[in-house]
Amino acid sequence: MPLYKIDGKRLKLIKEKSFSLEKDLQKLTEENLETLFGLEFVQTEFQLNDRFIDTLAFNPETKSFVIIEYKKDKSFSVVDQGYAYLSLMLSNKGECILEYNEQKDKTLHRKDVDWTQSKVIFISLTSRLIKLKQ
């Protein structure tokens, strides 16, 4: 479906921007987390145990952490991966809080985080367009 922008009283077609690398999409998303999702960027490639979370963010409105995972192609195992990362984060709450405090130079306490609101966002890069799924 084509997208348009309003230019005065006329609609102008928005040209599609393709991404060949997940990293390019990740960088663009991280630099615009506030605009896109209302989130604070915490860390890229955040390591918990032997796994790397693509983007760790914080939602100041719900006081919860958000994991963002980028996928180049469709994958049926993406939901399983999301559950695994969410479980990993919930098992390592202190590491997430410590990373937030160090990156933001703020003091976030365990009692300040609503872990029941934690979620995973998948951003899929396909050959034709970018899909955001929350």
N, C-alpha and C. Protein backbone atom coordinates (compact mmCIF):
# COMPACT_ATOMS: atom_id res chain seq x y z
N MET A 1 0.85 -1.17 0.00
CA MET A 1 0.00 0.00 0.00
C MET A 1 0.90 1.24 0.00
N PRO A 2 0.69 2.13 -0.93
CA PRO A 2 1.53 3.33 -0.99
C PRO A 2 1.25 4.28 0.18
N LEU A 3 2.28 5.02 0.59
CA LEU A 3 2.16 6.04 1.62
C LEU A 3 2.33 7.41 0.99
N TYR A 4 1.60 8.38 1.53
CA TYR A 4 1.65 9.74 1.01
C TYR A 4 1.91 10.73 2.14
N LYS A 5 2.47 11.88 1.78
CA LYS A 5 2.59 12.98 2.73
C LYS A 5 1.74 14.13 2.20
N ILE A 6 1.26 14.96 3.11
CA ILE A 6 0.44 16.10 2.73
C ILE A 6 1.37 17.28 2.47
N ASP A 7 1.25 17.84 1.30
CA ASP A 7 2.05 19.00 0.90
C ASP A 7 1.06 20.08 0.48
N GLY A 8 0.70 20.93 1.45
CA GLY A 8 -0.34 21.93 1.18
C GLY A 8 -1.67 21.22 1.03
N LYS A 9 -2.25 21.32 -0.16
CA LYS A 9 -3.53 20.64 -0.43
C LYS A 9 -3.34 19.42 -1.33
N ARG A 10 -2.08 19.06 -1.56
CA ARG A 10 -1.79 17.95 -2.45
C ARG A 10 -1.14 16.80 -1.68
N LEU A 11 -1.35 15.60 -2.17
CA LEU A 11 -0.68 14.43 -1.62
C LEU A 11 0.51 14.09 -2.50
N LYS A 12 1.62 13.80 -1.87
CA LYS A 12 2.81 13.40 -2.61
C LYS A 12 3.23 12.01 -2.13
N LEU A 13 3.54 11.18 -3.10
CA LEU A 13 3.96 9.81 -2.81
C LEU A 13 5.28 9.82 -2.05
N ILE A 14 5.36 9.03 -0.99
CA ILE A 14 6.60 8.87 -0.24
C ILE A 14 7.34 7.70 -0.85
N LYS A 15 8.57 7.95 -1.25
CA LYS A 15 9.37 6.89 -1.86
C LYS A 15 9.85 5.91 -0.81
N GLU A 16 9.82 4.66 -1.19
CA GLU A 16 10.25 3.59 -0.28
C GLU A 16 11.76 3.61 -0.12
N LYS A 17 12.20 3.40 1.11
CA LYS A 17 13.63 3.30 1.42
C LYS A 17 13.91 1.85 1.79
N SER A 18 14.77 1.23 1.06
CA SER A 18 15.07 -0.17 1.36
C SER A 18 16.35 -0.26 2.19
N PHE A 19 16.40 -1.26 3.03
CA PHE A 19 17.56 -1.53 3.86
C PHE A 19 18.08 -2.91 3.49
N SER A 20 19.36 -2.99 3.24
CA SER A 20 19.92 -4.30 2.91
C SER A 20 20.48 -4.98 4.16
N LEU A 21 20.77 -4.19 5.19
CA LEU A 21 21.36 -4.74 6.40
C LEU A 21 20.50 -4.44 7.62
N GLU A 22 20.37 -5.44 8.49
CA GLU A 22 19.64 -5.23 9.76
C GLU A 22 20.28 -4.09 10.55
N LYS A 23 21.60 -4.01 10.52
CA LYS A 23 22.34 -3.01 11.30
C LYS A 23 21.90 -1.60 10.95
N ASP A 24 21.65 -1.34 9.65
CA ASP A 24 21.21 0.00 9.22
C ASP A 24 19.85 0.34 9.80
N LEU A 25 18.95 -0.63 9.75
CA LEU A 25 17.62 -0.43 10.31
C LEU A 25 17.70 -0.27 11.83
N GLN A 26 18.55 -1.06 12.47
CA GLN A 26 18.72 -0.98 13.92
C GLN A 26 19.21 0.40 14.33
N LYS A 27 20.22 0.90 13.64
CA LYS A 27 20.78 2.22 13.97
C LYS A 27 19.73 3.32 13.80
N LEU A 28 18.99 3.27 12.70
CA LEU A 28 17.94 4.27 12.46
C LEU A 28 16.86 4.20 13.54
N THR A 29 16.47 3.00 13.91
CA THR A 29 15.44 2.82 14.94
C THR A 29 15.94 3.33 16.29
N GLU A 30 17.16 2.95 16.65
CA GLU A 30 17.70 3.37 17.95
C GLU A 30 17.81 4.89 18.05
N GLU A 31 18.16 5.53 16.96
CA GLU A 31 18.30 7.00 16.97
C GLU A 31 16.94 7.70 17.00
N ASN A 32 15.86 6.95 16.77
CA ASN A 32 14.52 7.54 16.72
C ASN A 32 13.53 6.82 17.63
N LEU A 33 14.02 6.18 18.68
CA LEU A 33 13.14 5.42 19.58
C LEU A 33 12.06 6.29 20.22
N GLU A 34 12.42 7.49 20.61
CA GLU A 34 11.46 8.40 21.23
C GLU A 34 10.33 8.74 20.25
N THR A 35 10.68 9.07 19.03
CA THR A 35 9.69 9.42 18.02
C THR A 35 8.82 8.24 17.64
N LEU A 36 9.43 7.09 17.42
CA LEU A 36 8.69 5.91 16.97
C LEU A 36 7.82 5.28 18.05
N PHE A 37 8.39 5.11 19.24
CA PHE A 37 7.72 4.32 20.28
C PHE A 37 7.58 5.02 21.63
N GLY A 38 8.16 6.21 21.77
CA GLY A 38 8.14 6.88 23.07
C GLY A 38 9.06 6.21 24.08
N LEU A 39 10.13 5.59 23.59
CA LEU A 39 11.05 4.84 24.46
C LEU A 39 12.38 5.55 24.61
N GLU A 40 13.06 5.26 25.73
CA GLU A 40 14.42 5.73 25.97
C GLU A 40 15.38 4.63 25.54
N PHE A 41 16.36 5.00 24.74
CA PHE A 41 17.39 4.04 24.35
C PHE A 41 18.28 3.76 25.55
N VAL A 42 18.58 2.49 25.79
CA VAL A 42 19.48 2.11 26.88
C VAL A 42 20.79 1.56 26.30
N GLN A 43 20.71 0.50 25.48
CA GLN A 43 21.95 -0.11 24.99
C GLN A 43 21.68 -0.91 23.72
N THR A 44 22.67 -0.93 22.85
CA THR A 44 22.63 -1.78 21.67
C THR A 44 23.46 -3.03 21.93
N GLU A 45 23.01 -4.16 21.38
CA GLU A 45 23.70 -5.44 21.55
C GLU A 45 23.99 -5.71 23.03
N PHE A 46 22.97 -5.58 23.85
CA PHE A 46 23.09 -5.76 25.30
C PHE A 46 23.26 -7.24 25.62
N GLN A 47 24.36 -7.59 26.27
CA GLN A 47 24.67 -8.99 26.55
C GLN A 47 24.13 -9.42 27.90
N LEU A 48 23.37 -10.51 27.87
CA LEU A 48 22.92 -11.19 29.08
C LEU A 48 23.32 -12.65 28.94
N ASN A 49 24.17 -13.09 29.83
CA ASN A 49 24.74 -14.44 29.74
C ASN A 49 25.45 -14.57 28.40
N ASP A 50 25.06 -15.53 27.60
CA ASP A 50 25.73 -15.74 26.31
C ASP A 50 24.90 -15.24 25.13
N ARG A 51 23.88 -14.44 25.40
CA ARG A 51 23.00 -13.92 24.34
C ARG A 51 23.10 -12.41 24.23
N PHE A 52 22.78 -11.91 23.06
CA PHE A 52 22.81 -10.48 22.82
C PHE A 52 21.42 -9.99 22.40
N ILE A 53 20.89 -9.05 23.17
CA ILE A 53 19.62 -8.41 22.83
C ILE A 53 19.96 -7.28 21.89
N ASP A 54 19.29 -7.23 20.73
CA ASP A 54 19.62 -6.21 19.72
C ASP A 54 19.54 -4.80 20.30
N THR A 55 18.40 -4.46 20.89
CA THR A 55 18.24 -3.14 21.50
C THR A 55 17.51 -3.29 22.83
N LEU A 56 18.06 -2.70 23.86
CA LEU A 56 17.39 -2.62 25.15
C LEU A 56 16.92 -1.18 25.32
N ALA A 57 15.63 -1.03 25.62
CA ALA A 57 15.04 0.31 25.78
C ALA A 57 14.22 0.33 27.05
N PHE A 58 13.80 1.52 27.44
CA PHE A 58 12.99 1.69 28.65
C PHE A 58 11.80 2.56 28.31
N ASN A 59 10.62 2.14 28.77
CA ASN A 59 9.40 2.91 28.57
C ASN A 59 9.12 3.70 29.84
N PRO A 60 9.35 5.02 29.83
CA PRO A 60 9.15 5.81 31.04
C PRO A 60 7.68 5.92 31.45
N GLU A 61 6.78 5.75 30.49
CA GLU A 61 5.35 5.84 30.79
C GLU A 61 4.87 4.63 31.60
N THR A 62 5.27 3.43 31.18
CA THR A 62 4.86 2.22 31.89
C THR A 62 5.90 1.75 32.89
N LYS A 63 7.05 2.44 32.92
CA LYS A 63 8.16 2.10 33.82
C LYS A 63 8.60 0.65 33.63
N SER A 64 8.82 0.30 32.36
CA SER A 64 9.19 -1.07 32.05
C SER A 64 10.26 -1.11 30.96
N PHE A 65 10.99 -2.23 30.93
CA PHE A 65 12.00 -2.42 29.91
C PHE A 65 11.37 -3.04 28.67
N VAL A 66 11.96 -2.72 27.53
CA VAL A 66 11.49 -3.22 26.24
C VAL A 66 12.69 -3.77 25.48
N ILE A 67 12.51 -4.94 24.92
CA ILE A 67 13.52 -5.57 24.06
C ILE A 67 13.07 -5.37 22.63
N ILE A 68 14.00 -4.94 21.77
CA ILE A 68 13.68 -4.82 20.35
C ILE A 68 14.61 -5.75 19.58
N GLU A 69 14.00 -6.60 18.78
CA GLU A 69 14.73 -7.56 17.96
C GLU A 69 14.45 -7.28 16.49
N TYR A 70 15.48 -7.31 15.69
CA TYR A 70 15.38 -7.04 14.26
C TYR A 70 15.58 -8.35 13.50
N LYS A 71 14.75 -8.58 12.49
CA LYS A 71 14.84 -9.80 11.69
C LYS A 71 14.88 -9.44 10.22
N LYS A 72 15.81 -10.06 9.51
CA LYS A 72 15.93 -9.79 8.08
C LYS A 72 14.87 -10.54 7.28
N ASP A 73 14.57 -11.73 7.65
CA ASP A 73 13.59 -12.54 6.92
C ASP A 73 12.53 -13.05 7.88
N LYS A 74 11.47 -13.56 7.31
CA LYS A 74 10.41 -14.16 8.13
C LYS A 74 10.96 -15.40 8.81
N SER A 75 10.55 -15.58 10.05
CA SER A 75 11.01 -16.75 10.78
C SER A 75 9.90 -17.20 11.71
N PHE A 76 9.61 -18.49 11.69
CA PHE A 76 8.57 -19.01 12.56
C PHE A 76 9.05 -19.11 14.00
N SER A 77 10.35 -19.08 14.22
CA SER A 77 10.88 -19.22 15.58
C SER A 77 11.04 -17.87 16.28
N VAL A 78 10.62 -16.78 15.64
CA VAL A 78 10.81 -15.45 16.21
C VAL A 78 10.06 -15.30 17.53
N VAL A 79 8.89 -15.87 17.64
CA VAL A 79 8.12 -15.76 18.88
C VAL A 79 8.83 -16.52 20.00
N ASP A 80 9.34 -17.70 19.69
CA ASP A 80 10.11 -18.46 20.67
C ASP A 80 11.33 -17.68 21.14
N GLN A 81 12.01 -17.03 20.20
CA GLN A 81 13.17 -16.22 20.55
C GLN A 81 12.76 -15.06 21.44
N GLY A 82 11.63 -14.44 21.14
CA GLY A 82 11.13 -13.34 21.96
C GLY A 82 10.84 -13.77 23.38
N TYR A 83 10.19 -14.93 23.53
CA TYR A 83 9.92 -15.46 24.87
C TYR A 83 11.21 -15.78 25.61
N ALA A 84 12.17 -16.33 24.89
CA ALA A 84 13.46 -16.67 25.52
C ALA A 84 14.17 -15.41 26.01
N TYR A 85 14.18 -14.35 25.19
CA TYR A 85 14.83 -13.10 25.60
C TYR A 85 14.09 -12.43 26.73
N LEU A 86 12.77 -12.47 26.70
CA LEU A 86 11.98 -11.88 27.78
C LEU A 86 12.25 -12.62 29.08
N SER A 87 12.28 -13.93 29.02
CA SER A 87 12.58 -14.74 30.20
C SER A 87 13.98 -14.45 30.72
N LEU A 88 14.93 -14.32 29.80
CA LEU A 88 16.31 -14.01 30.17
C LEU A 88 16.39 -12.66 30.87
N MET A 89 15.68 -11.67 30.34
CA MET A 89 15.68 -10.35 30.96
C MET A 89 15.05 -10.40 32.36
N LEU A 90 13.94 -11.11 32.49
CA LEU A 90 13.27 -11.19 33.78
C LEU A 90 14.08 -11.97 34.81
N SER A 91 14.97 -12.82 34.34
CA SER A 91 15.86 -13.56 35.24
C SER A 91 17.10 -12.75 35.60
N ASN A 92 17.31 -11.63 34.91
CA ASN A 92 18.49 -10.79 35.13
C ASN A 92 18.08 -9.33 35.30
N LYS A 93 17.09 -9.10 36.13
CA LYS A 93 16.55 -7.75 36.32
C LYS A 93 17.62 -6.76 36.77
N GLY A 94 18.46 -7.21 37.69
CA GLY A 94 19.50 -6.33 38.22
C GLY A 94 20.45 -5.83 37.15
N GLU A 95 20.79 -6.69 36.19
CA GLU A 95 21.68 -6.29 35.10
C GLU A 95 21.05 -5.21 34.23
N CYS A 96 19.75 -5.33 33.99
CA CYS A 96 19.04 -4.33 33.18
C CYS A 96 19.01 -2.99 33.90
N ILE A 97 18.71 -3.02 35.19
CA ILE A 97 18.67 -1.79 35.98
C ILE A 97 20.05 -1.15 36.05
N LEU A 98 21.08 -1.96 36.27
CA LEU A 98 22.44 -1.45 36.33
C LEU A 98 22.84 -0.80 35.00
N GLU A 99 22.51 -1.46 33.90
CA GLU A 99 22.84 -0.91 32.58
C GLU A 99 22.13 0.43 32.35
N TYR A 100 20.85 0.48 32.74
CA TYR A 100 20.09 1.73 32.61
C TYR A 100 20.76 2.84 33.42
N ASN A 101 21.07 2.54 34.68
CA ASN A 101 21.68 3.55 35.56
C ASN A 101 23.03 4.04 35.01
N GLU A 102 23.82 3.13 34.49
CA GLU A 102 25.13 3.52 33.97
C GLU A 102 25.02 4.31 32.67
N GLN A 103 24.13 3.89 31.78
CA GLN A 103 23.99 4.56 30.49
C GLN A 103 23.28 5.91 30.61
N LYS A 104 22.31 6.00 31.50
CA LYS A 104 21.50 7.22 31.62
C LYS A 104 22.01 8.15 32.70
N ASP A 105 22.95 7.68 33.50
CA ASP A 105 23.45 8.46 34.63
C ASP A 105 22.29 8.90 35.53
N LYS A 106 21.40 7.95 35.77
CA LYS A 106 20.23 8.15 36.64
C LYS A 106 20.20 7.02 37.65
N THR A 107 19.31 7.13 38.60
CA THR A 107 19.16 6.07 39.57
C THR A 107 17.76 5.49 39.48
N LEU A 108 17.70 4.30 38.90
CA LEU A 108 16.45 3.55 38.79
C LEU A 108 16.54 2.42 39.81
N HIS A 109 15.52 2.27 40.63
CA HIS A 109 15.49 1.21 41.65
C HIS A 109 14.57 0.08 41.21
N ARG A 110 14.79 -1.09 41.80
CA ARG A 110 13.94 -2.25 41.47
C ARG A 110 12.47 -1.95 41.64
N LYS A 111 12.13 -1.24 42.71
CA LYS A 111 10.72 -0.94 42.99
C LYS A 111 10.12 0.04 41.98
N ASP A 112 10.98 0.72 41.22
CA ASP A 112 10.52 1.69 40.22
C ASP A 112 10.13 1.04 38.89
N VAL A 113 10.44 -0.23 38.71
CA VAL A 113 10.20 -0.92 37.44
C VAL A 113 8.99 -1.83 37.57
N ASP A 114 8.07 -1.74 36.59
CA ASP A 114 6.92 -2.64 36.52
C ASP A 114 7.25 -3.74 35.53
N TRP A 115 7.77 -4.83 36.04
CA TRP A 115 8.22 -5.93 35.18
C TRP A 115 7.08 -6.60 34.46
N THR A 116 5.84 -6.45 34.95
CA THR A 116 4.69 -7.06 34.28
C THR A 116 4.39 -6.37 32.95
N GLN A 117 4.93 -5.19 32.75
CA GLN A 117 4.70 -4.43 31.51
C GLN A 117 5.83 -4.61 30.49
N SER A 118 6.81 -5.42 30.83
CA SER A 118 7.94 -5.66 29.91
C SER A 118 7.43 -6.31 28.63
N LYS A 119 8.07 -5.98 27.50
CA LYS A 119 7.63 -6.59 26.25
C LYS A 119 8.77 -6.66 25.25
N VAL A 120 8.48 -7.36 24.16
CA VAL A 120 9.42 -7.51 23.06
C VAL A 120 8.76 -6.93 21.82
N ILE A 121 9.51 -6.13 21.08
CA ILE A 121 9.05 -5.60 19.80
C ILE A 121 9.93 -6.23 18.72
N PHE A 122 9.29 -6.78 17.69
CA PHE A 122 10.02 -7.33 16.56
C PHE A 122 9.89 -6.36 15.39
N ILE A 123 11.01 -6.06 14.76
CA ILE A 123 11.00 -5.25 13.56
C ILE A 123 11.59 -6.11 12.45
N SER A 124 10.76 -6.37 11.46
CA SER A 124 11.14 -7.29 10.39
C SER A 124 11.50 -6.51 9.14
N LEU A 125 12.62 -6.83 8.59
CA LEU A 125 13.10 -6.22 7.35
C LEU A 125 12.84 -7.22 6.23
N THR A 126 11.94 -6.87 5.34
CA THR A 126 11.68 -7.73 4.20
C THR A 126 12.21 -7.04 2.96
N SER A 127 12.17 -7.73 1.86
CA SER A 127 12.72 -7.16 0.63
C SER A 127 11.89 -5.98 0.12
N ARG A 128 10.63 -5.87 0.53
CA ARG A 128 9.80 -4.80 0.00
C ARG A 128 9.53 -3.67 0.99
N LEU A 129 9.38 -3.99 2.27
CA LEU A 129 9.08 -2.92 3.20
C LEU A 129 9.44 -3.30 4.62
N ILE A 130 9.39 -2.33 5.49
CA ILE A 130 9.68 -2.54 6.90
C ILE A 130 8.36 -2.77 7.61
N LYS A 131 8.28 -3.79 8.45
CA LYS A 131 7.07 -4.06 9.21
C LYS A 131 7.39 -3.90 10.69
N LEU A 132 6.56 -3.16 11.39
CA LEU A 132 6.71 -3.01 12.84
C LEU A 132 5.62 -3.83 13.49
N LYS A 133 5.95 -4.67 14.42
CA LYS A 133 4.95 -5.49 15.10
C LYS A 133 5.22 -5.42 16.58
N GLN A 134 4.19 -5.04 17.34
CA GLN A 134 4.32 -4.90 18.78
C GLN A 134 3.52 -5.96 19.48
